[in-house]
Amino acid sequence: MALIPINHGEFRSPCEKKVVGYLQQNLRTLFTIYHNIEFASHRQVQGLHVNEYDIVIVGLKGVWVLEVKAYRGRIKGNAETLWLPNRRSEKNPISLTARKAKS
């Protein structure tokens, strides 16, 4: 069972809590799971910038950043936009998550 440290933020959605519970039960103890944590990074133009991470998994061979969404149904999209089943569109979170993972 994976470890969840006590110095993390509150769950922001029931979906995030469900994902963390699943990961905790299914990952081995070699992994540590952090959820709703914030890291500050410096940007040359903007100064201090704070990124919020839904879930960060730390293991012996890497660090993984997960952005959790509570979408249901078939989702279509491209690198920029996701089209949800209710015909609503929103910005694809993959590029933001990738940028946060690199900061």
Protein backbone atom coordinates (compact mmCIF):
# COMPACT_ATOMS: atom_id res chain seq x y z
CA MET A 1 0.00 0.00 0.00
CA ALA A 2 1.36 3.43 -0.96
CA LEU A 3 2.01 6.04 1.71
CA ILE A 4 0.14 9.34 1.99
CA PRO A 5 2.07 11.97 4.02
CA ILE A 6 0.13 14.10 6.46
CA ASN A 7 1.40 17.45 5.11
CA HIS A 8 -0.94 17.77 2.15
CA GLY A 9 -3.96 19.92 1.38
CA GLU A 10 -7.62 19.09 1.62
CA PHE A 11 -9.35 17.27 -1.20
CA ARG A 12 -10.95 19.73 -3.59
CA SER A 13 -13.40 17.22 -5.06
CA PRO A 14 -14.84 13.77 -4.27
CA CYS A 15 -13.20 12.56 -7.48
CA GLU A 16 -9.72 13.46 -6.23
CA LYS A 17 -10.39 11.63 -2.97
CA LYS A 18 -11.52 8.55 -4.90
CA VAL A 19 -8.40 8.58 -7.12
CA VAL A 20 -6.06 8.93 -4.12
CA GLY A 21 -7.85 6.07 -2.36
CA TYR A 22 -7.47 3.87 -5.44
CA LEU A 23 -3.78 4.72 -5.77
CA GLN A 24 -3.16 4.12 -2.07
CA GLN A 25 -4.72 0.66 -2.28
CA ASN A 26 -3.09 -0.36 -5.56
CA LEU A 27 0.43 1.09 -5.47
CA ARG A 28 3.15 -0.57 -3.45
CA THR A 29 4.80 1.06 -0.44
CA LEU A 30 7.65 2.16 -2.70
CA PHE A 31 5.45 5.10 -3.72
CA THR A 32 4.47 8.20 -1.77
CA ILE A 33 1.32 10.07 -2.78
CA TYR A 34 0.89 13.82 -2.22
CA HIS A 35 -2.37 15.57 -3.05
CA ASN A 36 -3.38 19.19 -3.36
CA ILE A 37 0.06 20.56 -2.72
CA GLU A 38 1.48 23.86 -3.89
CA PHE A 39 4.97 24.71 -5.06
CA ALA A 40 6.28 28.17 -5.82
CA SER A 41 8.51 28.72 -8.83
CA HIS A 42 10.22 31.83 -10.10
CA ARG A 43 9.49 33.10 -13.58
CA GLN A 44 11.80 35.68 -15.07
CA VAL A 45 9.01 37.99 -16.20
CA GLN A 46 6.24 37.36 -13.66
CA GLY A 47 8.24 36.81 -10.47
CA LEU A 48 6.93 34.23 -7.99
CA HIS A 49 4.30 31.87 -9.35
CA VAL A 50 2.42 29.21 -7.33
CA ASN A 51 1.31 25.97 -8.97
CA GLU A 52 -1.29 23.69 -7.39
CA TYR A 53 -0.90 19.96 -8.05
CA ASP A 54 -3.86 17.60 -7.71
CA ILE A 55 -1.74 14.48 -7.16
CA VAL A 56 2.02 13.92 -7.17
CA ILE A 57 3.37 10.37 -6.94
CA VAL A 58 7.00 9.92 -5.92
CA GLY A 59 8.69 6.60 -6.55
CA LEU A 60 12.17 5.19 -6.80
CA LYS A 61 12.28 5.66 -10.58
CA GLY A 62 10.43 8.92 -11.05
CA VAL A 63 7.88 11.54 -10.13
CA TRP A 64 4.43 11.62 -11.73
CA VAL A 65 1.99 14.55 -11.77
CA LEU A 66 -1.73 13.80 -12.18
CA GLU A 67 -4.43 16.34 -13.00
CA VAL A 68 -7.78 14.87 -11.91
CA LYS A 69 -11.00 15.70 -13.74
CA ALA A 70 -14.48 14.36 -13.01
CA TYR A 71 -15.57 13.99 -16.61
CA ARG A 72 -18.06 11.32 -17.67
CA GLY A 73 -18.86 9.96 -21.08
CA ARG A 74 -16.94 10.18 -24.32
CA ILE A 75 -14.49 13.05 -24.50
CA LYS A 76 -12.97 14.23 -27.75
CA GLY A 77 -10.28 16.78 -28.28
CA ASN A 78 -6.89 17.83 -29.48
CA ALA A 79 -3.81 19.40 -27.90
CA GLU A 80 -5.68 22.65 -27.23
CA THR A 81 -9.36 21.86 -26.54
CA LEU A 82 -11.54 19.11 -25.04
CA TRP A 83 -15.15 18.63 -26.13
CA LEU A 84 -17.26 17.13 -23.37
CA PRO A 85 -20.47 15.10 -23.77
CA ASN A 86 -22.69 18.08 -22.84
CA ARG A 87 -21.28 19.94 -25.89
CA ARG A 88 -19.24 22.16 -23.60
CA SER A 89 -15.59 22.74 -24.46
CA GLU A 90 -12.68 23.65 -22.27
CA LYS A 91 -8.94 24.02 -22.48
CA ASN A 92 -7.08 20.72 -22.55
CA PRO A 93 -5.31 20.33 -19.16
CA ILE A 94 -2.42 18.28 -20.60
CA SER A 95 -0.25 21.26 -21.57
CA LEU A 96 -0.78 22.95 -18.18
CA THR A 97 0.04 19.71 -16.34
CA ALA A 98 3.16 19.19 -18.43
CA ARG A 99 4.30 22.76 -17.74
CA LYS A 100 3.72 22.33 -13.99
CA ALA A 101 5.61 19.02 -14.00
CA LYS A 102 8.63 20.75 -15.55
CA SER A 103 8.66 23.73 -13.19
